[in-house]
N, C-alpha and C. Protein backbone atom coordinates (compact mmCIF):
# COMPACT_ATOMS: atom_id res chain seq x y z
N MET A 1 14.73 24.27 -6.87
CA MET A 1 13.53 24.32 -7.68
C MET A 1 12.60 25.40 -7.15
N ASN A 2 12.01 26.19 -8.06
CA ASN A 2 11.06 27.21 -7.64
C ASN A 2 9.86 27.20 -8.58
N ASP A 3 8.91 28.08 -8.29
CA ASP A 3 7.65 28.07 -9.04
C ASP A 3 7.85 28.33 -10.53
N THR A 4 8.93 29.00 -10.91
CA THR A 4 9.15 29.26 -12.33
C THR A 4 9.49 27.98 -13.09
N ASP A 5 9.90 26.93 -12.37
CA ASP A 5 10.21 25.65 -13.00
C ASP A 5 8.97 24.79 -13.21
N LEU A 6 7.85 25.20 -12.66
CA LEU A 6 6.68 24.35 -12.60
C LEU A 6 5.56 24.87 -13.51
N PRO A 7 4.65 23.97 -13.95
CA PRO A 7 4.58 22.54 -13.64
C PRO A 7 5.63 21.75 -14.39
N ARG A 8 5.96 20.58 -13.85
CA ARG A 8 6.91 19.69 -14.52
C ARG A 8 6.59 18.25 -14.15
N LEU A 9 6.98 17.37 -15.05
CA LEU A 9 6.82 15.95 -14.79
C LEU A 9 7.81 15.51 -13.73
N ARG A 10 7.34 14.87 -12.68
CA ARG A 10 8.25 14.32 -11.67
C ARG A 10 8.31 12.80 -11.72
N GLN A 11 7.23 12.15 -12.17
CA GLN A 11 7.26 10.68 -12.15
C GLN A 11 6.37 10.13 -13.26
N ALA A 12 6.91 9.13 -13.98
CA ALA A 12 6.15 8.40 -14.99
C ALA A 12 5.99 6.97 -14.51
N VAL A 13 4.82 6.38 -14.76
CA VAL A 13 4.50 5.06 -14.21
C VAL A 13 4.05 4.14 -15.33
N VAL A 14 4.61 2.92 -15.35
CA VAL A 14 4.14 1.89 -16.26
C VAL A 14 3.56 0.75 -15.44
N ALA A 15 2.61 0.05 -16.04
CA ALA A 15 1.96 -1.09 -15.39
C ALA A 15 2.42 -2.37 -16.05
N ALA A 16 2.86 -3.34 -15.25
CA ALA A 16 3.40 -4.59 -15.78
C ALA A 16 2.80 -5.78 -15.06
N THR A 17 2.56 -6.83 -15.80
CA THR A 17 2.04 -8.05 -15.19
C THR A 17 3.04 -8.63 -14.20
N GLU A 18 4.32 -8.63 -14.58
CA GLU A 18 5.39 -9.16 -13.74
C GLU A 18 6.37 -8.04 -13.41
N LEU A 19 6.58 -7.78 -12.14
CA LEU A 19 7.40 -6.65 -11.71
C LEU A 19 8.88 -6.84 -12.00
N GLU A 20 9.45 -7.93 -11.52
CA GLU A 20 10.90 -8.09 -11.55
C GLU A 20 11.49 -8.10 -12.97
N PRO A 21 10.89 -8.82 -13.93
CA PRO A 21 11.48 -8.78 -15.27
C PRO A 21 11.51 -7.39 -15.89
N VAL A 22 10.45 -6.63 -15.71
CA VAL A 22 10.39 -5.28 -16.28
C VAL A 22 11.38 -4.37 -15.55
N ALA A 23 11.44 -4.46 -14.23
CA ALA A 23 12.41 -3.66 -13.49
C ALA A 23 13.83 -3.98 -13.93
N GLY A 24 14.10 -5.26 -14.19
CA GLY A 24 15.42 -5.65 -14.66
C GLY A 24 15.74 -5.10 -16.04
N GLN A 25 14.77 -5.12 -16.94
CA GLN A 25 14.98 -4.58 -18.28
C GLN A 25 15.26 -3.07 -18.23
N LEU A 26 14.52 -2.35 -17.39
CA LEU A 26 14.75 -0.92 -17.27
C LEU A 26 16.12 -0.62 -16.68
N THR A 27 16.50 -1.39 -15.67
CA THR A 27 17.82 -1.21 -15.06
C THR A 27 18.93 -1.36 -16.08
N GLU A 28 18.82 -2.41 -16.89
CA GLU A 28 19.87 -2.69 -17.88
C GLU A 28 19.86 -1.67 -19.01
N ALA A 29 18.69 -1.34 -19.54
CA ALA A 29 18.60 -0.47 -20.71
C ALA A 29 18.98 0.97 -20.39
N LEU A 30 18.59 1.46 -19.20
CA LEU A 30 18.80 2.86 -18.87
C LEU A 30 19.96 3.08 -17.90
N GLY A 31 20.58 2.00 -17.43
CA GLY A 31 21.69 2.15 -16.49
C GLY A 31 21.23 2.68 -15.15
N LEU A 32 20.11 2.17 -14.65
CA LEU A 32 19.53 2.68 -13.40
C LEU A 32 20.10 1.97 -12.19
N ALA A 33 20.00 2.64 -11.04
CA ALA A 33 20.47 2.07 -9.78
C ALA A 33 19.34 1.30 -9.11
N GLU A 34 19.62 0.83 -7.91
CA GLU A 34 18.64 0.03 -7.15
C GLU A 34 17.34 0.80 -6.97
N PRO A 35 16.20 0.17 -7.22
CA PRO A 35 14.92 0.87 -7.04
C PRO A 35 14.45 0.83 -5.60
N TYR A 36 13.49 1.69 -5.32
CA TYR A 36 12.81 1.70 -4.03
C TYR A 36 11.50 0.95 -4.17
N ASN A 37 11.23 0.06 -3.23
CA ASN A 37 9.96 -0.67 -3.20
C ASN A 37 9.10 -0.07 -2.10
N ASP A 38 8.04 0.60 -2.48
CA ASP A 38 7.19 1.34 -1.54
C ASP A 38 6.10 0.42 -1.00
N PRO A 39 6.14 0.11 0.30
CA PRO A 39 5.10 -0.76 0.86
C PRO A 39 3.72 -0.12 0.83
N GLY A 40 3.67 1.22 0.70
CA GLY A 40 2.39 1.91 0.72
C GLY A 40 1.50 1.59 -0.47
N VAL A 41 2.09 1.10 -1.59
CA VAL A 41 1.25 0.82 -2.76
C VAL A 41 0.40 -0.43 -2.56
N SER A 42 0.63 -1.16 -1.47
CA SER A 42 -0.25 -2.29 -1.17
C SER A 42 -1.69 -1.82 -0.94
N TYR A 43 -1.85 -0.55 -0.59
CA TYR A 43 -3.19 0.04 -0.45
C TYR A 43 -3.99 -0.11 -1.75
N PHE A 44 -3.29 -0.05 -2.90
CA PHE A 44 -3.93 -0.17 -4.20
C PHE A 44 -3.89 -1.61 -4.73
N GLY A 45 -3.38 -2.53 -3.90
CA GLY A 45 -3.25 -3.92 -4.35
C GLY A 45 -2.08 -4.14 -5.28
N LEU A 46 -1.03 -3.33 -5.13
CA LEU A 46 0.09 -3.36 -6.05
C LEU A 46 1.42 -3.63 -5.35
N ARG A 47 2.41 -4.01 -6.15
CA ARG A 47 3.82 -3.96 -5.79
C ARG A 47 4.48 -2.98 -6.74
N ASN A 48 5.65 -2.45 -6.35
CA ASN A 48 6.26 -1.48 -7.26
C ASN A 48 7.78 -1.48 -7.14
N ALA A 49 8.39 -0.78 -8.10
CA ALA A 49 9.81 -0.46 -8.09
C ALA A 49 9.92 0.96 -8.62
N VAL A 50 10.58 1.84 -7.84
CA VAL A 50 10.70 3.25 -8.22
C VAL A 50 12.17 3.58 -8.42
N PHE A 51 12.52 3.99 -9.64
CA PHE A 51 13.88 4.35 -9.99
C PHE A 51 14.01 5.87 -10.04
N ALA A 52 15.10 6.39 -9.51
CA ALA A 52 15.39 7.83 -9.58
C ALA A 52 16.26 8.11 -10.80
N ILE A 53 15.85 9.12 -11.58
CA ILE A 53 16.61 9.60 -12.74
C ILE A 53 16.76 11.10 -12.57
N GLY A 54 17.95 11.56 -12.17
CA GLY A 54 18.08 12.95 -11.78
C GLY A 54 17.18 13.19 -10.57
N ASP A 55 16.30 14.20 -10.67
CA ASP A 55 15.32 14.40 -9.59
C ASP A 55 13.92 14.02 -10.06
N GLN A 56 13.87 13.14 -11.08
CA GLN A 56 12.60 12.58 -11.55
C GLN A 56 12.59 11.08 -11.28
N PHE A 57 11.45 10.44 -11.58
CA PHE A 57 11.29 9.05 -11.17
C PHE A 57 10.55 8.25 -12.23
N LEU A 58 10.93 7.00 -12.32
CA LEU A 58 10.28 6.04 -13.21
C LEU A 58 9.83 4.87 -12.35
N GLU A 59 8.54 4.61 -12.37
CA GLU A 59 7.96 3.59 -11.50
C GLU A 59 7.33 2.47 -12.33
N VAL A 60 7.52 1.25 -11.85
CA VAL A 60 6.81 0.10 -12.38
C VAL A 60 5.85 -0.38 -11.30
N VAL A 61 4.58 -0.54 -11.65
CA VAL A 61 3.62 -1.12 -10.72
C VAL A 61 3.11 -2.43 -11.30
N SER A 62 2.84 -3.38 -10.40
CA SER A 62 2.38 -4.69 -10.82
C SER A 62 1.31 -5.18 -9.85
N PRO A 63 0.21 -5.74 -10.35
CA PRO A 63 -0.85 -6.19 -9.47
C PRO A 63 -0.37 -7.29 -8.52
N ALA A 64 -0.73 -7.14 -7.26
CA ALA A 64 -0.43 -8.16 -6.25
C ALA A 64 -1.69 -8.91 -5.83
N GLN A 65 -2.83 -8.50 -6.38
CA GLN A 65 -4.09 -9.15 -6.08
C GLN A 65 -5.02 -8.93 -7.27
N ASP A 66 -6.16 -9.60 -7.24
CA ASP A 66 -7.12 -9.46 -8.32
C ASP A 66 -7.84 -8.11 -8.25
N ASP A 67 -8.36 -7.69 -9.39
CA ASP A 67 -9.26 -6.54 -9.50
C ASP A 67 -8.62 -5.23 -9.00
N THR A 68 -7.44 -4.94 -9.54
CA THR A 68 -6.81 -3.64 -9.30
C THR A 68 -6.98 -2.77 -10.54
N ALA A 69 -6.87 -1.47 -10.37
CA ALA A 69 -6.98 -0.57 -11.52
C ALA A 69 -5.90 -0.87 -12.54
N ALA A 70 -4.68 -1.13 -12.06
CA ALA A 70 -3.59 -1.44 -12.98
C ALA A 70 -3.83 -2.75 -13.71
N GLY A 71 -4.33 -3.74 -12.98
CA GLY A 71 -4.62 -5.03 -13.60
C GLY A 71 -5.71 -4.93 -14.64
N ARG A 72 -6.74 -4.15 -14.36
CA ARG A 72 -7.81 -3.98 -15.33
C ARG A 72 -7.31 -3.27 -16.58
N LEU A 73 -6.41 -2.27 -16.40
CA LEU A 73 -5.87 -1.58 -17.55
C LEU A 73 -5.01 -2.51 -18.40
N ILE A 74 -4.17 -3.31 -17.76
CA ILE A 74 -3.35 -4.28 -18.50
C ILE A 74 -4.25 -5.21 -19.31
N ALA A 75 -5.35 -5.66 -18.72
CA ALA A 75 -6.28 -6.54 -19.43
C ALA A 75 -6.91 -5.84 -20.63
N ARG A 76 -7.32 -4.58 -20.45
CA ARG A 76 -7.94 -3.84 -21.55
C ARG A 76 -6.96 -3.58 -22.68
N ARG A 77 -5.70 -3.30 -22.32
CA ARG A 77 -4.70 -2.98 -23.35
C ARG A 77 -4.07 -4.23 -23.95
N GLY A 78 -4.34 -5.38 -23.36
CA GLY A 78 -3.78 -6.61 -23.88
C GLY A 78 -2.32 -6.81 -23.53
N GLY A 79 -1.86 -6.18 -22.47
CA GLY A 79 -0.46 -6.35 -22.05
C GLY A 79 0.04 -5.15 -21.28
N ASP A 80 1.31 -5.19 -20.90
CA ASP A 80 1.94 -4.10 -20.14
C ASP A 80 1.80 -2.79 -20.90
N CYS A 81 1.74 -1.68 -20.14
CA CYS A 81 1.43 -0.41 -20.79
C CYS A 81 1.77 0.77 -19.88
N GLY A 82 1.78 1.97 -20.48
CA GLY A 82 1.88 3.19 -19.69
C GLY A 82 0.64 3.35 -18.82
N TYR A 83 0.83 3.93 -17.63
CA TYR A 83 -0.24 3.92 -16.64
C TYR A 83 -0.58 5.30 -16.09
N MET A 84 0.42 6.03 -15.59
CA MET A 84 0.15 7.29 -14.89
C MET A 84 1.30 8.26 -15.08
N LEU A 85 0.98 9.56 -15.08
CA LEU A 85 1.97 10.62 -15.11
C LEU A 85 1.71 11.54 -13.92
N MET A 86 2.78 11.89 -13.20
CA MET A 86 2.66 12.66 -11.96
C MET A 86 3.38 13.99 -12.13
N PHE A 87 2.64 15.07 -11.97
CA PHE A 87 3.17 16.41 -12.22
C PHE A 87 3.26 17.21 -10.92
N GLN A 88 4.39 17.84 -10.73
CA GLN A 88 4.53 18.79 -9.62
C GLN A 88 4.01 20.14 -10.09
N VAL A 89 3.10 20.70 -9.33
CA VAL A 89 2.48 21.98 -9.70
C VAL A 89 2.79 23.02 -8.63
N PRO A 90 2.81 24.31 -9.01
CA PRO A 90 3.16 25.35 -8.04
C PRO A 90 2.06 25.65 -7.04
N ASP A 91 0.79 25.39 -7.43
CA ASP A 91 -0.35 25.74 -6.58
C ASP A 91 -1.40 24.64 -6.75
N LEU A 92 -1.36 23.67 -5.83
CA LEU A 92 -2.27 22.53 -5.94
C LEU A 92 -3.72 22.95 -5.77
N LYS A 93 -3.99 23.88 -4.90
CA LYS A 93 -5.36 24.34 -4.68
C LYS A 93 -5.93 24.92 -5.98
N ALA A 94 -5.16 25.73 -6.66
CA ALA A 94 -5.63 26.33 -7.91
C ALA A 94 -5.83 25.26 -8.97
N ALA A 95 -4.92 24.27 -9.02
CA ALA A 95 -5.06 23.19 -10.00
C ALA A 95 -6.31 22.37 -9.72
N ARG A 96 -6.60 22.12 -8.45
CA ARG A 96 -7.81 21.38 -8.10
C ARG A 96 -9.05 22.16 -8.49
N GLU A 97 -9.01 23.46 -8.32
CA GLU A 97 -10.15 24.28 -8.71
C GLU A 97 -10.37 24.24 -10.22
N ARG A 98 -9.28 24.25 -10.97
CA ARG A 98 -9.41 24.14 -12.42
C ARG A 98 -9.98 22.79 -12.83
N ALA A 99 -9.54 21.74 -12.14
CA ALA A 99 -10.06 20.40 -12.42
C ALA A 99 -11.55 20.31 -12.07
N ALA A 100 -11.92 20.88 -10.94
CA ALA A 100 -13.33 20.86 -10.52
C ALA A 100 -14.21 21.62 -11.51
N ALA A 101 -13.68 22.71 -12.05
CA ALA A 101 -14.44 23.50 -13.02
C ALA A 101 -14.73 22.71 -14.28
N ARG A 102 -13.88 21.72 -14.57
CA ARG A 102 -14.08 20.85 -15.73
C ARG A 102 -14.75 19.53 -15.33
N ASN A 103 -15.23 19.45 -14.08
CA ASN A 103 -15.92 18.25 -13.58
C ASN A 103 -15.02 17.01 -13.61
N MET A 104 -13.73 17.21 -13.33
CA MET A 104 -12.80 16.10 -13.25
C MET A 104 -12.98 15.36 -11.92
N ARG A 105 -13.12 14.05 -12.00
CA ARG A 105 -13.28 13.26 -10.78
C ARG A 105 -11.92 12.97 -10.13
N VAL A 106 -11.87 13.11 -8.81
CA VAL A 106 -10.69 12.76 -8.03
C VAL A 106 -10.83 11.30 -7.61
N VAL A 107 -9.86 10.45 -7.98
CA VAL A 107 -9.93 9.03 -7.64
C VAL A 107 -9.10 8.69 -6.41
N PHE A 108 -8.21 9.62 -6.02
CA PHE A 108 -7.40 9.41 -4.82
C PHE A 108 -6.84 10.75 -4.40
N GLU A 109 -6.75 10.97 -3.11
CA GLU A 109 -6.11 12.17 -2.59
C GLU A 109 -5.44 11.87 -1.27
N VAL A 110 -4.34 12.57 -1.01
CA VAL A 110 -3.61 12.36 0.22
C VAL A 110 -3.03 13.69 0.68
N GLU A 111 -3.02 13.89 1.99
CA GLU A 111 -2.46 15.10 2.60
C GLU A 111 -1.53 14.64 3.71
N LEU A 112 -0.22 14.78 3.48
CA LEU A 112 0.78 14.38 4.45
C LEU A 112 1.65 15.57 4.80
N ASP A 113 2.51 15.40 5.79
CA ASP A 113 3.36 16.52 6.20
C ASP A 113 4.24 17.02 5.07
N ASP A 114 4.70 16.08 4.20
CA ASP A 114 5.69 16.46 3.20
C ASP A 114 5.16 16.45 1.77
N ILE A 115 3.89 16.14 1.57
CA ILE A 115 3.33 16.18 0.22
C ILE A 115 1.81 16.19 0.27
N SER A 116 1.23 16.91 -0.68
CA SER A 116 -0.22 16.86 -0.94
C SER A 116 -0.38 16.42 -2.38
N GLU A 117 -1.40 15.59 -2.63
CA GLU A 117 -1.52 15.04 -3.98
C GLU A 117 -2.94 14.60 -4.26
N VAL A 118 -3.34 14.74 -5.53
CA VAL A 118 -4.62 14.20 -6.00
C VAL A 118 -4.37 13.45 -7.30
N HIS A 119 -5.16 12.40 -7.53
CA HIS A 119 -5.13 11.67 -8.79
C HIS A 119 -6.47 11.91 -9.48
N LEU A 120 -6.42 12.23 -10.77
CA LEU A 120 -7.62 12.53 -11.55
C LEU A 120 -7.98 11.35 -12.45
N HIS A 121 -9.26 11.15 -12.61
CA HIS A 121 -9.78 9.99 -13.34
C HIS A 121 -9.28 10.00 -14.79
N PRO A 122 -8.73 8.87 -15.28
CA PRO A 122 -8.20 8.86 -16.65
C PRO A 122 -9.27 9.06 -17.71
N ALA A 123 -10.51 8.68 -17.43
CA ALA A 123 -11.57 8.89 -18.41
C ALA A 123 -11.91 10.38 -18.56
N ASP A 124 -11.66 11.16 -17.50
CA ASP A 124 -11.93 12.60 -17.56
C ASP A 124 -10.75 13.35 -18.17
N MET A 125 -9.52 12.96 -17.79
CA MET A 125 -8.33 13.63 -18.33
C MET A 125 -8.02 13.14 -19.74
N ASP A 126 -8.25 11.85 -19.98
CA ASP A 126 -8.00 11.19 -21.26
C ASP A 126 -6.52 10.82 -21.39
N GLY A 127 -6.25 9.56 -21.62
CA GLY A 127 -4.90 9.11 -21.91
C GLY A 127 -4.15 8.47 -20.77
N ALA A 128 -4.39 8.89 -19.53
CA ALA A 128 -3.66 8.35 -18.38
C ALA A 128 -4.26 8.88 -17.09
N ILE A 129 -3.99 8.19 -15.99
CA ILE A 129 -4.22 8.81 -14.70
C ILE A 129 -3.23 9.96 -14.57
N VAL A 130 -3.71 11.11 -14.15
CA VAL A 130 -2.85 12.27 -13.94
C VAL A 130 -2.83 12.59 -12.45
N ALA A 131 -1.64 12.65 -11.87
CA ALA A 131 -1.48 13.05 -10.48
C ALA A 131 -0.95 14.47 -10.44
N LEU A 132 -1.51 15.28 -9.55
CA LEU A 132 -1.06 16.64 -9.29
C LEU A 132 -0.47 16.65 -7.89
N SER A 133 0.78 17.06 -7.78
CA SER A 133 1.51 16.91 -6.53
C SER A 133 2.15 18.21 -6.08
N ALA A 134 2.20 18.39 -4.76
CA ALA A 134 2.87 19.54 -4.17
C ALA A 134 3.74 19.05 -3.01
N PRO A 135 4.99 18.65 -3.30
CA PRO A 135 5.88 18.21 -2.23
C PRO A 135 6.40 19.40 -1.41
N ARG A 136 6.70 19.13 -0.14
CA ARG A 136 7.23 20.18 0.76
C ARG A 136 8.46 19.64 1.50
N PRO A 137 9.64 20.27 1.29
CA PRO A 137 9.93 21.37 0.36
C PRO A 137 9.89 20.88 -1.08
N PRO A 138 9.87 21.80 -2.05
CA PRO A 138 9.63 21.43 -3.44
C PRO A 138 10.63 20.45 -4.03
N GLU A 139 11.87 20.46 -3.57
CA GLU A 139 12.88 19.58 -4.15
C GLU A 139 12.80 18.14 -3.64
N THR A 140 11.94 17.87 -2.66
CA THR A 140 11.80 16.52 -2.13
C THR A 140 10.81 15.72 -2.97
N TRP A 141 10.76 14.40 -2.70
CA TRP A 141 9.79 13.53 -3.38
C TRP A 141 9.61 12.27 -2.56
N ARG A 142 8.58 12.25 -1.76
CA ARG A 142 8.31 11.17 -0.82
C ARG A 142 8.30 9.79 -1.49
N TRP A 143 7.74 9.74 -2.70
CA TRP A 143 7.52 8.45 -3.35
C TRP A 143 8.83 7.82 -3.85
N GLY A 144 9.92 8.57 -3.81
CA GLY A 144 11.21 8.01 -4.21
C GLY A 144 11.89 7.23 -3.10
N GLY A 145 11.39 7.34 -1.87
CA GLY A 145 11.98 6.64 -0.74
C GLY A 145 13.13 7.42 -0.13
N ASP A 146 13.49 7.06 1.09
CA ASP A 146 14.60 7.72 1.78
C ASP A 146 15.90 7.55 0.98
N GLY A 147 16.65 8.63 0.89
CA GLY A 147 17.95 8.57 0.24
C GLY A 147 17.89 8.40 -1.27
N TRP A 148 16.78 8.80 -1.90
CA TRP A 148 16.67 8.58 -3.35
C TRP A 148 17.76 9.32 -4.13
N SER A 149 18.20 10.47 -3.62
CA SER A 149 19.22 11.22 -4.36
C SER A 149 20.54 10.45 -4.47
N ARG A 150 20.82 9.59 -3.49
CA ARG A 150 22.05 8.79 -3.53
C ARG A 150 21.93 7.63 -4.52
N ARG A 151 20.69 7.26 -4.85
CA ARG A 151 20.44 6.16 -5.80
C ARG A 151 20.10 6.68 -7.19
N SER A 152 20.18 7.97 -7.38
CA SER A 152 19.72 8.55 -8.64
C SER A 152 20.74 8.34 -9.76
N ALA A 153 20.24 7.87 -10.89
CA ALA A 153 21.07 7.76 -12.09
C ALA A 153 21.08 9.10 -12.81
N PRO A 154 22.15 9.41 -13.51
CA PRO A 154 22.17 10.66 -14.27
C PRO A 154 21.13 10.62 -15.37
N GLY A 155 20.59 11.78 -15.70
CA GLY A 155 19.63 11.83 -16.79
C GLY A 155 18.42 12.67 -16.45
N GLU A 156 17.50 12.68 -17.40
CA GLU A 156 16.28 13.47 -17.26
C GLU A 156 15.23 12.91 -18.21
N ILE A 157 14.01 12.80 -17.73
CA ILE A 157 12.89 12.45 -18.60
C ILE A 157 12.49 13.73 -19.32
N LYS A 158 12.85 13.84 -20.58
CA LYS A 158 12.68 15.09 -21.31
C LYS A 158 11.25 15.28 -21.81
N THR A 159 10.72 14.25 -22.46
CA THR A 159 9.37 14.34 -22.99
C THR A 159 8.67 13.00 -22.86
N VAL A 160 7.37 13.05 -22.83
CA VAL A 160 6.56 11.84 -22.87
C VAL A 160 5.48 12.03 -23.92
N THR A 161 5.27 11.00 -24.72
CA THR A 161 4.23 11.04 -25.75
C THR A 161 3.05 10.21 -25.28
N VAL A 162 1.87 10.80 -25.38
CA VAL A 162 0.64 10.14 -24.96
C VAL A 162 -0.29 10.01 -26.16
N ALA A 163 -0.77 8.81 -26.41
CA ALA A 163 -1.68 8.56 -27.52
C ALA A 163 -3.12 8.70 -27.03
N VAL A 164 -3.92 9.47 -27.75
CA VAL A 164 -5.31 9.75 -27.38
C VAL A 164 -6.16 9.81 -28.64
N ASN A 165 -7.48 9.84 -28.46
CA ASN A 165 -8.38 9.90 -29.60
C ASN A 165 -8.36 11.26 -30.28
N ASP A 166 -8.29 12.32 -29.48
CA ASP A 166 -8.34 13.69 -30.01
C ASP A 166 -7.19 14.49 -29.41
N PRO A 167 -6.02 14.46 -30.04
CA PRO A 167 -4.84 15.11 -29.46
C PRO A 167 -5.04 16.58 -29.14
N GLU A 168 -5.68 17.34 -30.01
CA GLU A 168 -5.83 18.77 -29.80
C GLU A 168 -6.70 19.06 -28.57
N ALA A 169 -7.82 18.36 -28.46
CA ALA A 169 -8.72 18.58 -27.32
C ALA A 169 -8.07 18.14 -26.01
N THR A 170 -7.37 17.01 -26.05
CA THR A 170 -6.73 16.51 -24.83
C THR A 170 -5.61 17.42 -24.39
N GLU A 171 -4.82 17.92 -25.33
CA GLU A 171 -3.74 18.85 -24.97
C GLU A 171 -4.30 20.09 -24.29
N ALA A 172 -5.41 20.62 -24.81
CA ALA A 172 -6.04 21.80 -24.20
C ALA A 172 -6.53 21.48 -22.79
N ARG A 173 -7.09 20.30 -22.61
CA ARG A 173 -7.60 19.89 -21.29
C ARG A 173 -6.47 19.78 -20.29
N TRP A 174 -5.38 19.10 -20.67
CA TRP A 174 -4.25 18.94 -19.76
C TRP A 174 -3.61 20.29 -19.44
N ARG A 175 -3.45 21.12 -20.46
CA ARG A 175 -2.83 22.43 -20.22
C ARG A 175 -3.67 23.25 -19.24
N ASP A 176 -4.97 23.19 -19.40
CA ASP A 176 -5.86 23.97 -18.54
C ASP A 176 -5.78 23.49 -17.09
N VAL A 177 -5.84 22.18 -16.90
CA VAL A 177 -5.88 21.62 -15.54
C VAL A 177 -4.50 21.68 -14.87
N ILE A 178 -3.47 21.24 -15.57
CA ILE A 178 -2.13 21.18 -14.98
C ILE A 178 -1.49 22.56 -14.90
N GLY A 179 -1.85 23.43 -15.83
CA GLY A 179 -1.23 24.75 -15.90
C GLY A 179 -0.15 24.80 -16.96
N GLY A 180 -0.05 23.76 -17.78
CA GLY A 180 0.93 23.63 -18.84
C GLY A 180 1.04 22.17 -19.21
N THR A 181 1.62 21.86 -20.35
CA THR A 181 1.72 20.46 -20.73
C THR A 181 3.02 19.81 -20.27
N ALA A 182 3.98 20.61 -19.80
CA ALA A 182 5.15 20.10 -19.08
C ALA A 182 5.88 18.99 -19.80
N GLY A 183 6.20 19.20 -21.08
CA GLY A 183 6.98 18.22 -21.81
C GLY A 183 6.18 17.06 -22.35
N VAL A 184 4.85 17.16 -22.36
CA VAL A 184 4.00 16.10 -22.89
C VAL A 184 3.56 16.48 -24.30
N ARG A 185 3.64 15.52 -25.21
CA ARG A 185 3.09 15.71 -26.54
C ARG A 185 2.03 14.65 -26.78
N PHE A 186 1.06 14.98 -27.60
CA PHE A 186 -0.07 14.10 -27.82
C PHE A 186 -0.14 13.69 -29.29
N VAL A 187 -0.41 12.41 -29.50
CA VAL A 187 -0.58 11.88 -30.84
C VAL A 187 -1.87 11.06 -30.86
N GLN A 188 -2.37 10.80 -32.05
CA GLN A 188 -3.59 10.01 -32.17
C GLN A 188 -3.23 8.53 -32.15
N GLY A 189 -3.97 7.76 -31.36
CA GLY A 189 -3.70 6.33 -31.31
C GLY A 189 -4.33 5.70 -30.09
N THR A 190 -3.91 4.46 -29.81
CA THR A 190 -4.40 3.73 -28.64
C THR A 190 -4.03 4.50 -27.38
N LEU A 191 -4.99 4.63 -26.46
CA LEU A 191 -4.81 5.48 -25.30
C LEU A 191 -3.62 5.07 -24.44
N GLY A 192 -2.88 6.08 -23.98
CA GLY A 192 -1.87 5.84 -22.97
C GLY A 192 -0.52 6.44 -23.30
N PRO A 193 0.35 6.60 -22.27
CA PRO A 193 1.73 7.00 -22.51
C PRO A 193 2.43 5.94 -23.36
N VAL A 194 3.01 6.33 -24.48
CA VAL A 194 3.58 5.35 -25.41
C VAL A 194 5.07 5.54 -25.64
N GLU A 195 5.63 6.70 -25.27
CA GLU A 195 7.07 6.90 -25.45
C GLU A 195 7.61 7.88 -24.42
N LEU A 196 8.77 7.57 -23.86
CA LEU A 196 9.51 8.48 -22.99
C LEU A 196 10.87 8.72 -23.61
N LYS A 197 11.25 9.99 -23.76
CA LYS A 197 12.59 10.34 -24.20
C LYS A 197 13.42 10.69 -22.97
N VAL A 198 14.52 9.98 -22.79
CA VAL A 198 15.35 10.13 -21.60
C VAL A 198 16.73 10.61 -22.02
N ALA A 199 17.15 11.74 -21.45
CA ALA A 199 18.47 12.30 -21.76
C ALA A 199 19.47 11.90 -20.68
N GLY A 200 20.73 11.71 -21.08
CA GLY A 200 21.81 11.54 -20.12
C GLY A 200 21.91 10.16 -19.51
N SER A 201 21.05 9.23 -19.89
CA SER A 201 21.14 7.87 -19.34
C SER A 201 22.05 7.04 -20.23
N GLU A 202 22.16 5.75 -19.96
CA GLU A 202 22.98 4.87 -20.79
C GLU A 202 22.23 4.39 -22.03
N LEU A 203 21.02 4.86 -22.22
CA LEU A 203 20.22 4.45 -23.36
C LEU A 203 20.83 5.00 -24.65
N SER A 204 21.25 4.12 -25.54
CA SER A 204 21.89 4.54 -26.79
C SER A 204 20.99 4.35 -28.00
N GLU A 205 19.99 3.51 -27.86
CA GLU A 205 19.04 3.29 -28.95
C GLU A 205 17.69 2.96 -28.35
N PRO A 206 16.61 3.17 -29.11
CA PRO A 206 15.27 2.94 -28.56
C PRO A 206 15.08 1.50 -28.08
N ALA A 207 14.31 1.36 -27.01
CA ALA A 207 13.97 0.05 -26.48
C ALA A 207 12.52 0.08 -26.03
N THR A 208 11.76 -0.94 -26.38
CA THR A 208 10.37 -1.02 -25.93
C THR A 208 10.30 -1.95 -24.73
N ILE A 209 9.86 -1.39 -23.61
CA ILE A 209 9.78 -2.11 -22.34
C ILE A 209 8.43 -1.83 -21.73
N ALA A 210 7.72 -2.88 -21.33
CA ALA A 210 6.39 -2.74 -20.73
C ALA A 210 5.43 -1.98 -21.64
N GLY A 211 5.56 -2.21 -22.94
CA GLY A 211 4.67 -1.59 -23.89
C GLY A 211 4.95 -0.12 -24.17
N VAL A 212 6.02 0.41 -23.59
CA VAL A 212 6.38 1.82 -23.76
C VAL A 212 7.74 1.90 -24.44
N ARG A 213 7.86 2.79 -25.42
CA ARG A 213 9.13 2.98 -26.13
C ARG A 213 9.98 4.00 -25.35
N PHE A 214 11.18 3.59 -25.00
CA PHE A 214 12.14 4.48 -24.34
C PHE A 214 13.20 4.87 -25.37
N SER A 215 13.37 6.17 -25.57
CA SER A 215 14.28 6.65 -26.60
C SER A 215 15.26 7.64 -26.01
N PRO A 216 16.49 7.68 -26.53
CA PRO A 216 17.43 8.72 -26.09
C PRO A 216 16.95 10.09 -26.58
N ALA A 217 17.10 11.10 -25.75
CA ALA A 217 16.64 12.44 -26.12
C ALA A 217 17.74 13.19 -26.86
């Protein structure tokens, strides 16, 4: 992977009231392998399951305590729903500067030996929490867990559809901040990621899981 491939979606996240049933549905529908459970998400009051699809990732997060951001979103949406999209960018510093120029609030940031990352406020970006990530080296992905490539199912997350109030304005905002829309399309509707098209998996027909429609690409 090099800068000409970027920006690109590396991880899509759904929020679910119950972790295991949703993880099981995704495993069966998409033919996924064993997920990684990241103990670090306890910082956010969550439990998770992270599935590798090619060199991309599909994560389920579930509240493990009261008053979490994911739990509040589930309550507002009236059920499980799309939650966050994580993009690998070629120049995180430049992306942060673009976000700051638009007065985007940073809700989380981390600087580790193998990755730097910021999360931008969903009310500022519109439609979802957006993470901007710079893994080192670029082909790695800390959040997939050790040995994720051995657990990776064939396939690729080709596109994601995000429902927003003003698709044209939101698309311009995301393109400006991220440096491109990276396979994201915007439609008018209830806020949030609403569909993922996955190529090369065992998915043969659309399935709605955790409030998100998964379709073969």
